[in-house]
Amino acid sequence: MANSLEEESLEKLKQWLVLYRDDGAYKVVSKTFSRERALCVTQLLADGHGKEVLSQMEKCSSSTAIIDREPLLFAFALCCKSTDKNTKKQAEMICDKICKTSCDLFQLLKFHNKLSTTKSWGRYFKRFISNWYHNQDIYQLAHNASKEVSFLGWSHRDVLRMGHLKPKTDEMDLLFKYQVLGLTETKKSFGKSEKESIRKLLEFFTAVHTAKHSDDVQQVTKLVALHHLKKDHLRTVLLKEKEIWTALLKEMTIQEMLDNIGLLATIGYLEGSCEGSQTVIDKLRNESLLKEQNVQPFELIIASNYYKEGRKKGTAWQQNEKVINALDFALDYTMKNNVKSTNKRYVVGIRVGVNRNKSTVRGTMVLSTTAAAAGVAMVIKRGEEKTDVVFFTDTVTPLMVTNETKLTDVNNEVEEQVKKADEKKEEDQPKLEEDDGEEADIFLGMPPDPCDLVAPIQWATDQKKDVDVFILVTDANKSTGSKNLGEAIALYRKDRNLPNTKLVTIGLTNSNMKFANLEDQNMLDVSGFDAKVPRVIQAFVSEEY
C-alpha cells in the first residue's frame, strides 16, 4: 500500500472510530455493527496493517476526542478475530488499555460472540481475557468489578467460568472467588490470612456486600465514605435517603450529579430546607471543577430542562430558585470557557414544528424539539463569533441571536416562528366547498408543512455569504423543496469557491437520516440528539479525530 493511500485509509479509520456512521448517519440510538459496516477496518486488517490499526485505536481510546466507545470496541473485536498472529498478539498486549472498564469488556464479549461461528473460546481468547484481569491494578479492578457486576447479559461470574481462568496471585484468587462463590466462601479461604493486601481486599468486599444488603442508613453512609463506594454499589431503596446522597456527592463528578438530578429532586434533596442542596449549588458554581471536568453546555441544558419541568413519572418537586440560578451560572460559564471555537463561519438553520406526532427529541426525551434546536443555535453562537441563525420553511427568516441572548429568549423566538409558520400555512390553505350539506374533509389535499432544507443554503448564496459550516436542525423526515440537498451544497461550494464547506443535518426525531451523499466526506447526517452530538459536530468540523 502506498504511503499516501495508507495515510488516507488511517484517516478514514480515525473518522470511523469517532463519527461512526451507521448507514450513512451518526445515530444517537440503535447503532448496528457488522463487518460490512466496518470496511475501513477490515480492509486495513486484510492488507496487513493490523499494527497501525491497533496503534491508532490505542491513541483514540485515551483521547478526549472519542465520543462513543462502541465503534472502538467493535474494531477491537475485529482485531481479536484477525488471522494475523502479530495483530492478535498486539491486541492481547493492550487489552486493558482498550477495555478500560468492566462494561467495556462485556461489550467486547458481545461483539466477539457476534463475529464467532462457535460459542466456545479458544486458547488465544482465554489467554486474552486472563490478561485483561491480570494487567490491571488489583484494587482498581476490585472497585470496578464490584460496581459493574453485569452488562449486556454478561457478568464476571460468566466470564470467569467460561474462560476457566486461573489466578496468578493470591489477590486475584480472592477476587475470582468473590465473583464466582460470594463473600462467605471467600472468607473461608482467606479470612485467616495475615497478608495486608489480602486483608485490605477482603475488607473492601465485606463493605460492598454489607452495602448491597443493609438497611442501616448510617452504617452504609459510613461505608460509602470509608471505602469510596459508588451509587451502583448500593441497594436501590437506600437511594431515597438524603444522608446517603450527601456521602455519594462528595466524590461524584458534576456530570454524574447532573445525571441524577431528577432523583435528587424527587427525594427533596434540592429543596431549600435541605442542607444537602447547598452541596449541589456549590458544585455547580465551582468554576475550577466545571473547567477541570470539562462539563459541556448541553449536559446542563438537559439537566436544567428536566429540573425546571418539575415532574418525573407523575411525581412532582418544589423547585429551588437557588438551584435554577446555579444551573444557569454553570451553563453560562461552560459556554464561555468549555466550548472550543473552530473559528469557522456558520449558518444554523432551524425548522421544527413539522412532525406533529413527536414533540420530544429521539435520544433525549426530556428535551422538546424547540428546546434542542434553540440550544444548538445558542451554543454555536456563543462559541463561534461568525454565526447566523435563521428559521426556515420554504423561505428564510434571520433570528436575532447574539452572544448575550439567553436560552429562554432563543426558545421563545423559535416558538414564535413556528406559530407564524402554522398561521401562514392556514392562510394558504385552499377553502374547500361543502358538498350536499355535508362538511368537507379538511385534510383532503392538505399540503405538507413547508420544510425546504435547501432554503438556508440558497439564502446564503443570495446574500453572498461565505459559509464554512451549515447546520440544519429539524424534526421533519423529508425536505419539501424541489432541489436535492447534496446537489445544492455542491453548487454553493462552486459558486462561492469554498470547496470544503461542510453540511450537518440533524434529524431531532428521525431514526435514520438519509440526506447526505455518502461519497461526500463533508456531509454528515445525525439521527436523534443527545449531549454527545455537539461533540460529534465539533469533531466533524475541526477534523480532530
Protein backbone atom coordinates (compact mmCIF):
# COMPACT_ATOMS: atom_id res chain seq x y z
CA MET A 1 0.00 0.00 0.00
CA ALA A 2 1.44 3.36 -0.98
CA ASN A 3 2.13 5.75 1.89
CA SER A 4 -0.45 8.31 0.72
CA LEU A 5 -3.10 5.63 0.34
CA GLU A 6 -2.23 4.16 3.72
CA GLU A 7 -2.48 7.59 5.36
CA GLU A 8 -5.85 8.18 3.71
CA SER A 9 -7.12 4.83 4.98
CA LEU A 10 -5.93 5.56 8.52
CA GLU A 11 -7.65 8.95 8.39
CA LYS A 12 -10.89 7.18 7.41
CA LEU A 13 -10.32 4.78 10.31
CA LYS A 14 -9.96 7.67 12.77
CA GLN A 15 -13.14 9.26 11.45
CA TRP A 16 -14.96 5.94 11.65
CA LEU A 17 -13.92 5.42 15.28
CA VAL A 18 -15.09 8.89 16.31
CA LEU A 19 -18.03 9.54 13.94
CA TYR A 20 -19.28 6.00 13.36
CA ARG A 21 -21.78 6.28 10.52
CA ASP A 22 -24.47 3.65 10.52
CA ASP A 23 -26.00 3.54 7.04
CA GLY A 24 -24.57 7.00 6.37
CA ALA A 25 -25.67 8.71 9.58
CA TYR A 26 -24.36 9.17 13.09
CA LYS A 27 -27.10 7.55 15.16
CA VAL A 28 -27.72 8.55 18.76
CA VAL A 29 -29.55 5.28 19.47
CA SER A 30 -29.86 1.87 17.81
CA LYS A 31 -26.39 1.62 16.32
CA THR A 32 -25.74 -1.61 14.43
CA PHE A 33 -22.36 -3.18 13.77
CA SER A 34 -21.14 -5.73 11.21
CA ARG A 35 -18.08 -6.47 9.11
CA GLU A 36 -19.81 -4.89 6.12
CA ARG A 37 -20.32 -1.62 8.01
CA ALA A 38 -16.66 -1.58 9.10
CA LEU A 39 -14.93 -1.81 5.73
CA CYS A 40 -12.32 0.78 6.68
CA VAL A 41 -11.23 -1.57 9.48
CA THR A 42 -11.50 -4.90 7.69
CA GLN A 43 -9.66 -3.62 4.60
CA LEU A 44 -6.72 -2.34 6.64
CA LEU A 45 -6.52 -5.65 8.50
CA ALA A 46 -6.73 -7.61 5.24
CA ASP A 47 -3.86 -5.51 3.83
CA GLY A 48 -1.64 -6.38 6.79
CA HIS A 49 -1.91 -3.10 8.70
CA GLY A 50 -3.13 -4.53 12.00
CA LYS A 51 -0.27 -2.89 13.92
CA GLU A 52 -1.20 0.56 12.60
CA VAL A 53 -4.90 -0.04 13.28
CA LEU A 54 -4.27 -1.04 16.90
CA SER A 55 -1.86 1.85 17.46
CA GLN A 56 -4.49 4.29 16.23
CA MET A 57 -7.14 2.66 18.41
CA GLU A 58 -4.90 2.90 21.46
CA LYS A 59 -4.45 6.64 20.82
CA CYS A 60 -8.20 7.14 20.37
CA SER A 61 -9.03 5.17 23.50
CA SER A 62 -7.17 7.59 25.73
CA SER A 63 -8.19 10.68 23.75
CA THR A 64 -10.93 13.14 24.68
CA ALA A 65 -11.94 13.03 21.00
CA ILE A 66 -13.59 9.62 21.43
CA ILE A 67 -17.35 10.11 21.72
CA ASP A 68 -18.82 6.62 21.83
CA ARG A 69 -16.79 3.55 22.76
CA GLU A 70 -18.90 1.03 20.81
CA PRO A 71 -17.16 1.58 17.42
CA LEU A 72 -13.77 1.32 19.11
CA LEU A 73 -14.72 -1.94 20.82
CA PHE A 74 -16.19 -3.43 17.64
CA ALA A 75 -13.00 -2.61 15.74
CA PHE A 76 -11.02 -4.18 18.58
CA ALA A 77 -13.15 -7.33 18.34
CA LEU A 78 -12.29 -7.49 14.63
CA CYS A 79 -8.59 -7.31 15.52
CA CYS A 80 -9.02 -10.14 18.03
CA LYS A 81 -10.60 -12.24 15.27
CA SER A 82 -7.82 -11.45 12.79
CA THR A 83 -5.98 -14.31 11.09
CA ASP A 84 -2.69 -12.44 11.52
CA LYS A 85 -0.81 -13.69 14.60
CA ASN A 86 1.05 -10.42 15.15
CA THR A 87 -2.18 -8.45 15.16
CA LYS A 88 -3.75 -10.80 17.69
CA LYS A 89 -0.63 -10.71 19.86
CA GLN A 90 -0.60 -6.90 19.94
CA ALA A 91 -4.34 -6.83 20.71
CA GLU A 92 -3.69 -9.16 23.63
CA MET A 93 -0.97 -6.85 24.97
CA ILE A 94 -3.18 -3.73 25.01
CA CYS A 95 -6.49 -5.33 26.01
CA ASP A 96 -6.72 -3.41 29.30
CA LYS A 97 -5.94 -0.10 27.54
CA ILE A 98 -8.84 -0.50 25.09
CA CYS A 99 -11.28 -2.16 27.52
CA LYS A 100 -10.98 0.29 30.39
CA THR A 101 -14.00 -0.86 32.40
CA SER A 102 -15.99 -4.00 33.05
CA CYS A 103 -18.73 -2.68 30.79
CA ASP A 104 -16.16 -2.28 28.00
CA LEU A 105 -15.15 -5.91 28.49
CA PHE A 106 -18.76 -7.11 28.38
CA GLN A 107 -19.40 -5.05 25.22
CA LEU A 108 -16.33 -6.61 23.61
CA LEU A 109 -17.56 -10.09 24.52
CA LYS A 110 -20.90 -9.36 22.88
CA PHE A 111 -19.15 -8.29 19.66
CA HIS A 112 -16.72 -11.22 19.81
CA ASN A 113 -19.59 -13.69 20.04
CA LYS A 114 -21.36 -11.95 17.16
CA LEU A 115 -18.28 -12.40 14.97
CA SER A 116 -17.72 -16.02 16.03
CA THR A 117 -19.14 -19.18 14.48
CA THR A 118 -18.96 -21.02 17.80
CA LYS A 119 -19.81 -20.04 21.36
CA SER A 120 -16.71 -21.67 22.85
CA TRP A 121 -13.47 -19.75 23.39
CA GLY A 122 -10.14 -20.92 22.03
CA ARG A 123 -6.83 -20.79 23.87
CA TYR A 124 -6.00 -17.35 22.47
CA PHE A 125 -9.16 -15.66 23.69
CA LYS A 126 -9.00 -17.33 27.12
CA ARG A 127 -5.46 -16.00 27.48
CA PHE A 128 -6.65 -12.61 26.21
CA ILE A 129 -9.37 -12.44 28.91
CA SER A 130 -6.92 -13.61 31.57
CA ASN A 131 -4.57 -10.78 30.60
CA TRP A 132 -7.38 -8.25 30.92
CA TYR A 133 -7.82 -9.17 34.58
CA HIS A 134 -4.16 -9.63 35.45
CA ASN A 135 -2.86 -6.47 33.72
CA GLN A 136 -4.88 -4.18 35.99
CA ASP A 137 -4.27 -2.74 39.42
CA ILE A 138 -5.98 -5.20 41.75
CA TYR A 139 -7.66 -2.58 43.93
CA GLN A 140 -8.98 -0.59 40.96
CA LEU A 141 -10.23 -3.83 39.42
CA ALA A 142 -11.95 -4.81 42.67
CA HIS A 143 -13.75 -1.46 42.80
CA ASN A 144 -14.68 -1.59 39.11
CA ALA A 145 -15.80 -5.23 39.06
CA SER A 146 -17.93 -4.87 42.20
CA LYS A 147 -19.64 -1.79 40.75
CA GLU A 148 -20.21 -3.04 37.19
CA VAL A 149 -21.27 -6.57 38.03
CA SER A 150 -23.17 -7.32 34.82
CA PHE A 151 -24.00 -5.74 31.46
CA LEU A 152 -25.46 -6.90 28.13
CA GLY A 153 -26.20 -10.35 29.54
CA TRP A 154 -22.64 -10.88 30.77
CA SER A 155 -21.28 -10.98 34.33
CA HIS A 156 -17.84 -11.53 35.79
CA ARG A 157 -19.02 -14.90 37.07
CA ASP A 158 -19.94 -15.90 33.49
CA VAL A 159 -16.56 -14.74 32.14
CA LEU A 160 -14.51 -16.50 34.80
CA ARG A 161 -16.38 -19.77 34.42
CA MET A 162 -16.43 -19.76 30.62
CA GLY A 163 -12.75 -18.86 30.39
CA HIS A 164 -11.66 -21.34 33.10
CA LEU A 165 -9.36 -18.58 34.29
CA LYS A 166 -6.55 -19.41 36.70
CA PRO A 167 -5.41 -16.71 39.16
CA LYS A 168 -1.71 -15.84 39.08
CA THR A 169 -1.64 -14.18 42.51
CA ASP A 170 -3.33 -14.66 45.88
CA GLU A 171 -5.05 -11.30 45.44
CA MET A 172 -6.51 -12.32 42.08
CA ASP A 173 -7.54 -15.68 43.56
CA LEU A 174 -9.53 -13.78 46.20
CA LEU A 175 -11.19 -11.57 43.59
CA PHE A 176 -12.11 -14.56 41.40
CA LYS A 177 -13.57 -16.47 44.36
CA TYR A 178 -15.64 -13.47 45.43
CA GLN A 179 -17.09 -13.04 41.94
CA VAL A 180 -17.91 -16.71 41.49
CA LEU A 181 -18.68 -18.00 45.01
CA GLY A 182 -19.58 -14.90 47.03
CA LEU A 183 -18.34 -13.43 50.29
CA THR A 184 -18.98 -16.36 52.66
CA GLU A 185 -16.87 -18.85 50.69
CA THR A 186 -14.21 -16.21 50.09
CA LYS A 187 -13.88 -15.58 53.83
CA LYS A 188 -13.48 -19.30 54.45
CA SER A 189 -10.47 -19.34 52.13
CA PHE A 190 -8.85 -16.03 53.05
CA GLY A 191 -10.29 -14.96 56.42
CA LYS A 192 -7.21 -16.08 58.37
CA SER A 193 -4.63 -14.57 56.03
CA GLU A 194 -2.19 -12.11 57.61
CA LYS A 195 -1.15 -10.67 54.26
CA GLU A 196 -2.01 -6.95 54.30
CA SER A 197 -3.14 -6.80 50.64
CA ILE A 198 -5.46 -9.78 51.22
CA ARG A 199 -6.94 -8.25 54.36
CA LYS A 200 -7.47 -4.94 52.53
CA LEU A 201 -9.31 -6.63 49.65
CA LEU A 202 -11.42 -8.75 51.99
CA GLU A 203 -12.35 -5.67 53.99
CA PHE A 204 -13.42 -3.90 50.79
CA PHE A 205 -15.57 -6.79 49.54
CA THR A 206 -17.13 -7.12 53.00
CA ALA A 207 -18.08 -3.44 52.81
CA VAL A 208 -19.57 -3.94 49.32
CA HIS A 209 -21.53 -6.98 50.49
CA THR A 210 -22.86 -5.08 53.50
CA ALA A 211 -23.85 -2.08 51.38
CA LYS A 212 -25.75 -4.32 48.98
CA HIS A 213 -27.75 -5.98 51.79
CA SER A 214 -28.02 -3.50 54.67
CA ASP A 215 -30.99 -1.26 55.51
CA ASP A 216 -29.00 0.68 58.08
CA VAL A 217 -28.60 4.17 56.57
CA GLN A 218 -25.92 5.34 58.98
CA GLN A 219 -23.90 2.16 58.57
CA VAL A 220 -23.95 2.35 54.76
CA THR A 221 -23.22 6.10 54.81
CA LYS A 222 -20.01 5.38 56.75
CA LEU A 223 -19.07 2.58 54.34
CA VAL A 224 -19.55 4.90 51.34
CA ALA A 225 -17.22 7.47 52.88
CA LEU A 226 -14.62 4.98 54.12
CA HIS A 227 -14.41 2.76 51.01
CA HIS A 228 -15.33 5.30 48.32
CA LEU A 229 -18.39 3.30 47.27
CA LYS A 230 -20.49 4.46 44.32
CA LYS A 231 -24.20 4.59 43.63
CA ASP A 232 -24.10 1.21 41.86
CA HIS A 233 -22.69 -0.44 44.98
CA LEU A 234 -25.86 0.31 46.95
CA ARG A 235 -29.37 -1.07 47.23
CA THR A 236 -31.91 0.94 45.25
CA VAL A 237 -34.06 1.52 48.33
CA LEU A 238 -31.19 3.39 50.03
CA LEU A 239 -31.04 5.91 47.19
CA LYS A 240 -34.13 7.52 48.68
CA GLU A 241 -32.12 8.58 51.74
CA LYS A 242 -30.61 12.07 51.84
CA GLU A 243 -27.73 11.02 54.12
CA ILE A 244 -26.60 8.51 51.50
CA TRP A 245 -26.55 11.17 48.80
CA THR A 246 -24.55 13.55 50.95
CA ALA A 247 -21.85 10.87 51.15
CA LEU A 248 -22.07 9.96 47.44
CA LEU A 249 -21.92 13.54 46.19
CA LYS A 250 -18.57 14.22 47.83
CA GLU A 251 -16.78 12.20 45.14
CA MET A 252 -19.29 12.48 42.30
CA THR A 253 -18.34 14.37 39.17
CA ILE A 254 -20.63 17.19 38.08
CA GLN A 255 -21.70 15.08 35.09
CA GLU A 256 -22.71 12.20 37.38
CA MET A 257 -24.59 14.64 39.61
CA LEU A 258 -26.47 16.06 36.61
CA ASP A 259 -27.42 12.55 35.50
CA ASN A 260 -29.10 12.07 38.89
CA ILE A 261 -30.75 15.47 39.22
CA GLY A 262 -34.24 14.01 38.79
CA LEU A 263 -33.71 11.50 41.60
CA LEU A 264 -32.24 14.19 43.85
CA ALA A 265 -35.27 16.40 43.19
CA THR A 266 -37.72 13.54 43.78
CA ILE A 267 -36.44 12.81 47.29
CA GLY A 268 -36.44 16.50 48.20
CA TYR A 269 -32.66 16.82 48.31
CA LEU A 270 -32.68 20.01 46.23
CA GLU A 271 -35.27 21.85 48.33
CA GLY A 272 -34.09 24.95 50.18
CA SER A 273 -34.88 23.33 53.53
CA CYS A 274 -32.41 20.50 52.82
CA GLU A 275 -28.81 21.28 53.76
CA GLY A 276 -27.58 18.99 51.01
CA SER A 277 -28.94 21.31 48.31
CA GLN A 278 -26.06 23.65 49.07
CA THR A 279 -23.60 20.88 48.10
CA VAL A 280 -25.20 20.72 44.64
CA ILE A 281 -25.25 24.51 44.31
CA ASP A 282 -21.60 24.79 45.35
CA LYS A 283 -20.52 22.20 42.77
CA LEU A 284 -22.44 23.98 40.02
CA ARG A 285 -20.80 27.29 40.95
CA ASN A 286 -17.30 25.86 41.26
CA GLU A 287 -15.53 27.25 38.21
CA SER A 288 -12.42 25.12 38.77
CA LEU A 289 -14.48 21.91 38.79
CA LEU A 290 -16.52 22.97 35.77
CA LYS A 291 -13.30 23.55 33.86
CA GLU A 292 -11.36 20.56 35.17
CA GLN A 293 -14.20 18.09 34.48
CA ASN A 294 -14.90 19.69 31.10
CA VAL A 295 -18.63 19.97 31.70
CA GLN A 296 -20.41 20.70 28.42
CA PRO A 297 -23.33 23.12 27.92
CA PHE A 298 -25.79 20.53 26.69
CA GLU A 299 -25.23 18.37 29.76
CA LEU A 300 -26.51 21.36 31.73
CA ILE A 301 -29.28 22.21 29.27
CA ILE A 302 -30.69 18.70 29.51
CA ALA A 303 -30.47 18.58 33.32
CA SER A 304 -31.88 22.08 33.65
CA ASN A 305 -34.85 21.31 31.40
CA TYR A 306 -35.53 18.17 33.41
CA TYR A 307 -35.38 20.01 36.74
CA LYS A 308 -37.39 23.03 35.60
CA GLU A 309 -40.05 20.75 34.14
CA GLY A 310 -40.76 19.80 37.74
CA ARG A 311 -42.06 16.28 37.35
CA LYS A 312 -40.93 12.73 36.83
CA LYS A 313 -43.34 9.89 36.08
CA GLY A 314 -46.20 11.53 37.91
CA THR A 315 -44.18 12.78 40.88
CA ALA A 316 -43.54 16.48 41.38
CA TRP A 317 -40.99 18.52 43.26
CA GLN A 318 -40.77 22.04 44.57
CA GLN A 319 -38.25 23.99 42.54
CA ASN A 320 -35.44 25.78 44.35
CA GLU A 321 -34.61 29.11 42.73
CA LYS A 322 -31.02 28.88 44.00
CA VAL A 323 -30.56 25.55 42.17
CA ILE A 324 -32.00 27.04 38.97
CA ASN A 325 -29.67 30.04 39.26
CA ALA A 326 -26.70 27.71 39.84
CA LEU A 327 -27.62 25.68 36.74
CA ASP A 328 -27.85 28.91 34.72
CA PHE A 329 -24.49 30.06 36.10
CA ALA A 330 -22.83 26.77 35.16
CA LEU A 331 -24.37 26.88 31.69
CA ASP A 332 -23.11 30.42 31.10
CA TYR A 333 -19.63 29.53 32.38
CA THR A 334 -19.28 26.39 30.26
CA MET A 335 -20.41 28.18 27.11
CA LYS A 336 -17.74 30.83 27.66
CA ASN A 337 -14.93 28.54 28.77
CA ASN A 338 -15.53 24.89 27.81
CA VAL A 339 -16.61 25.21 24.17
CA LYS A 340 -13.64 25.11 21.85
CA SER A 341 -14.02 27.52 18.94
CA THR A 342 -13.32 26.25 15.42
CA ASN A 343 -13.01 29.82 14.07
CA LYS A 344 -15.34 28.90 11.19
CA ARG A 345 -18.26 30.80 9.65
CA TYR A 346 -21.61 29.15 10.43
CA VAL A 347 -25.22 29.25 9.35
CA VAL A 348 -27.57 27.45 11.73
CA GLY A 349 -30.93 26.77 10.08
CA ILE A 350 -33.88 25.72 12.26
CA ARG A 351 -37.15 24.18 11.15
CA VAL A 352 -39.15 22.49 13.90
CA GLY A 353 -42.89 22.09 14.42
CA VAL A 354 -43.28 19.89 11.34
CA ASN A 355 -43.52 16.46 12.98
CA ARG A 356 -46.68 16.98 14.99
CA ASN A 357 -46.66 13.39 16.26
CA LYS A 358 -43.31 13.80 18.04
CA SER A 359 -42.64 16.85 20.18
CA THR A 360 -39.64 15.43 22.05
CA VAL A 361 -36.19 14.52 20.83
CA ARG A 362 -35.20 10.96 19.94
CA GLY A 363 -32.43 10.05 22.38
CA THR A 364 -33.20 12.79 24.95
CA MET A 365 -36.89 12.62 25.72
CA VAL A 366 -36.69 15.41 28.30
CA LEU A 367 -35.91 17.96 25.56
CA SER A 368 -38.58 19.33 23.25
CA THR A 369 -37.58 19.74 19.63
CA THR A 370 -37.82 23.51 20.08
CA ALA A 371 -35.55 23.49 23.15
CA ALA A 372 -32.98 21.28 21.39
CA ALA A 373 -32.91 23.48 18.27
CA ALA A 374 -32.68 26.67 20.34
CA GLY A 375 -29.88 25.12 22.40
CA VAL A 376 -27.86 24.21 19.31
CA ALA A 377 -28.23 27.74 17.96
CA MET A 378 -27.24 29.40 21.23
CA VAL A 379 -24.26 27.17 21.98
CA ILE A 380 -22.81 27.59 18.48
CA LYS A 381 -23.43 31.34 18.51
CA ARG A 382 -21.68 31.69 21.88
CA GLY A 383 -18.71 29.63 20.74
CA GLU A 384 -18.41 30.89 17.17
CA GLU A 385 -18.41 34.65 16.61
CA LYS A 386 -19.29 34.45 12.90
CA THR A 387 -22.65 32.69 13.12
CA ASP A 388 -26.01 33.47 11.51
CA VAL A 389 -29.12 31.82 12.94
CA VAL A 390 -32.16 31.53 10.70
CA PHE A 391 -35.59 29.92 10.78
CA PHE A 392 -36.75 28.44 7.51
CA THR A 393 -39.84 26.98 5.88
CA ASP A 394 -39.73 27.49 2.11
CA THR A 395 -38.35 30.95 2.90
CA VAL A 396 -35.77 32.15 5.42
CA THR A 397 -36.15 34.47 8.41
CA PRO A 398 -32.97 35.60 10.21
CA LEU A 399 -33.25 35.40 14.02
CA MET A 400 -31.81 37.94 16.46
CA VAL A 401 -29.41 35.71 18.41
CA THR A 402 -26.34 37.41 19.89
CA ASN A 403 -23.55 36.37 22.25
CA GLU A 404 -25.66 37.67 25.14
CA THR A 405 -29.02 36.11 24.19
CA LYS A 406 -30.42 33.79 26.86
CA LEU A 407 -31.63 30.29 26.05
CA THR A 408 -35.22 31.14 27.05
CA ASP A 409 -35.21 34.07 24.61
CA VAL A 410 -33.93 31.92 21.74
CA ASN A 411 -36.51 29.28 22.62
CA ASN A 412 -39.32 31.88 22.63
CA GLU A 413 -38.23 33.28 19.27
CA VAL A 414 -38.20 29.80 17.69
CA GLU A 415 -41.65 29.11 19.12
CA GLU A 416 -42.90 32.40 17.68
CA GLN A 417 -41.57 31.45 14.23
CA VAL A 418 -43.27 28.05 14.44
CA LYS A 419 -46.52 29.79 15.29
CA LYS A 420 -46.15 32.16 12.33
CA ALA A 421 -45.39 29.24 10.01
CA ASP A 422 -48.55 27.47 11.18
CA GLU A 423 -50.64 30.62 10.68
CA LYS A 424 -49.25 31.17 7.20
CA LYS A 425 -49.98 27.58 6.26
CA GLU A 426 -53.60 28.01 7.37
CA GLU A 427 -53.90 31.20 5.33
CA ASP A 428 -52.51 29.45 2.27
CA GLN A 429 -54.93 26.52 2.54
CA PRO A 430 -57.47 26.38 -0.27
CA LYS A 431 -61.02 26.75 1.05
CA LEU A 432 -62.91 23.54 0.40
CA GLU A 433 -66.59 23.78 -0.54
CA GLU A 434 -69.20 21.76 1.26
CA ASP A 435 -70.92 19.03 -0.73
CA ASP A 436 -74.67 18.37 -0.29
CA GLY A 437 -74.74 19.96 3.13
CA GLU A 438 -72.05 17.65 4.47
CA GLU A 439 -68.87 19.07 5.98
CA ALA A 440 -65.93 18.69 3.63
CA ASP A 441 -62.86 16.70 4.64
CA ILE A 442 -60.49 19.46 5.77
CA PHE A 443 -57.50 17.14 5.40
CA LEU A 444 -58.21 16.37 1.76
CA GLY A 445 -55.37 17.60 -0.39
CA MET A 446 -53.65 19.35 2.52
CA PRO A 447 -50.01 20.05 1.57
CA PRO A 448 -47.22 19.11 3.99
CA ASP A 449 -45.73 21.70 6.32
CA PRO A 450 -43.10 23.57 4.29
CA CYS A 451 -39.55 22.48 5.13
CA ASP A 452 -37.16 23.16 2.28
CA LEU A 453 -33.76 22.10 3.59
CA VAL A 454 -32.08 23.84 0.67
CA ALA A 455 -33.58 27.23 1.68
CA PRO A 456 -30.76 28.25 4.12
CA ILE A 457 -28.14 27.36 1.50
CA GLN A 458 -29.99 29.34 -1.16
CA TRP A 459 -30.34 32.27 1.28
CA ALA A 460 -26.57 32.27 1.89
CA THR A 461 -26.00 32.19 -1.87
CA ASP A 462 -28.36 35.10 -2.47
CA GLN A 463 -26.79 37.09 0.39
CA LYS A 464 -23.31 36.29 -0.99
CA LYS A 465 -22.31 34.90 2.41
CA ASP A 466 -19.16 32.83 2.73
CA VAL A 467 -20.06 29.91 4.97
CA ASP A 468 -17.75 27.17 6.21
CA VAL A 469 -20.42 25.13 8.00
CA PHE A 470 -24.18 24.78 7.52
CA ILE A 471 -26.06 23.12 10.37
CA LEU A 472 -29.69 22.31 9.68
CA VAL A 473 -31.80 21.30 12.69
CA THR A 474 -35.25 19.88 12.01
CA ASP A 475 -37.93 17.47 13.15
CA ALA A 476 -39.06 16.84 9.58
CA ASN A 477 -38.49 13.47 7.92
CA LYS A 478 -38.09 14.91 4.43
CA SER A 479 -37.47 18.10 2.53
CA THR A 480 -40.39 19.71 0.72
CA GLY A 481 -38.09 21.55 -1.69
CA SER A 482 -37.57 20.54 -5.29
CA LYS A 483 -33.76 20.61 -5.13
CA ASN A 484 -31.51 17.81 -3.89
CA LEU A 485 -29.56 18.77 -0.76
CA GLY A 486 -26.31 17.21 -1.97
CA GLU A 487 -26.52 18.99 -5.30
CA ALA A 488 -27.38 22.29 -3.57
CA ILE A 489 -24.32 22.25 -1.31
CA ALA A 490 -22.11 21.27 -4.26
CA LEU A 491 -23.43 24.25 -6.24
CA TYR A 492 -22.88 26.56 -3.26
CA ARG A 493 -19.27 25.43 -2.91
CA LYS A 494 -18.67 26.08 -6.58
CA ASP A 495 -20.47 29.43 -6.58
CA ARG A 496 -18.56 30.77 -3.53
CA ASN A 497 -15.31 28.96 -4.33
CA LEU A 498 -15.44 27.18 -0.97
CA PRO A 499 -14.81 23.51 -1.86
CA ASN A 500 -14.66 22.33 1.77
CA THR A 501 -17.89 23.84 3.11
CA LYS A 502 -19.47 21.29 5.42
CA LEU A 503 -23.14 20.43 5.89
CA VAL A 504 -24.59 18.80 9.01
CA THR A 505 -28.27 17.82 9.00
CA ILE A 506 -29.71 16.93 12.41
CA GLY A 507 -32.98 14.98 12.45
CA LEU A 508 -34.19 15.51 16.02
CA THR A 509 -36.94 12.88 15.80
CA ASN A 510 -35.58 10.84 12.92
CA SER A 511 -34.30 7.28 13.39
CA ASN A 512 -32.46 7.11 10.08
CA MET A 513 -31.49 10.33 8.33
CA LYS A 514 -30.58 9.89 4.65
CA PHE A 515 -29.84 13.30 3.19
CA ALA A 516 -26.04 13.14 3.00
CA ASN A 517 -24.26 11.99 -0.13
CA LEU A 518 -22.23 9.00 1.12
CA GLU A 519 -19.38 9.90 -1.23
CA ASP A 520 -19.19 13.44 0.16
CA GLN A 521 -16.96 13.42 3.25
CA ASN A 522 -18.06 16.98 4.04
CA MET A 523 -21.70 15.99 4.61
CA LEU A 524 -22.95 14.41 7.84
CA ASP A 525 -26.41 13.25 8.88
CA VAL A 526 -27.28 12.92 12.57
CA SER A 527 -30.27 10.82 13.65
CA GLY A 528 -31.62 11.90 17.04
CA PHE A 529 -29.96 14.15 19.58
CA ASP A 530 -28.23 13.96 22.97
CA ALA A 531 -25.43 15.69 24.88
CA LYS A 532 -22.81 13.95 22.72
CA VAL A 533 -24.00 15.41 19.40
CA PRO A 534 -22.31 18.83 19.83
CA ARG A 535 -19.02 16.95 20.28
CA VAL A 536 -19.78 14.97 17.11
CA ILE A 537 -20.27 18.24 15.22
CA GLN A 538 -17.12 19.74 16.77
CA ALA A 539 -15.03 16.74 15.70
CA PHE A 540 -16.55 16.69 12.21
CA VAL A 541 -15.99 20.40 11.63
CA SER A 542 -12.49 20.61 13.11
CA GLU A 543 -11.46 17.21 11.73
CA GLU A 544 -9.73 16.49 15.02
CA TYR A 545 -10.22 12.75 15.32
